[in-house]
């Protein structure tokens, strides 16, 4: 974690990181006027309702996608932020629901439907051969699919604790203070650990 903070702070100190929050009017206008020229995000940013809308159709074909850079020597990517499908115990038709989810998320035809909607690489590898999937993305060209396929080789599934949301809020507060120089990295890590211990403790108890 210390190595990640050190690398991230170097980016901030170099002036290449913009202090604008995602999904704000300032962020959207900065994408549109060329102030922001790089964005760390997930594959869904290519959906028509996101970057193509914010940046404007005139920027189509000017962008490219690649896998995330390594920070602090880290390798792999997180499943954090991914969709989770569940069938409630009170479902009136659990077997039919399971059959539908299986079709939609695992079958060749179903995953092509998902790809058309969310612009993220299909799980079913046979779908990758479909011309519609292979077609260059209007905004990112062929780089989007190439980066997503490469990213799958680096994906790791993490076992988040039951209090992950609260833990992330605590850690993020000190992450921001460390990278913007409000606290030293060592002090921020120590303070985060203390707060995690005092406010949350063992999340599995």
Foldseek 3Di string as FASTA:
>chain_A
DLQLLVQLLVCVVVPVDDPDDPPDPVVLVCLQVVVDQDDDDDLLCLACVHSCVSNDVVQWPVAADAADDDGSNDFFDECPPPDDDDDDPPDPCVPVVVVVCCCLQPNLVNQVVVCVHRVADHPHPVVCPDPVNCAARRRHGNRSHVRRVVNVVRHDYDDAFPCNVVLCVLLVVLSVCCSVVVDPSVVSVVVSVVCCCVVCNDSVD
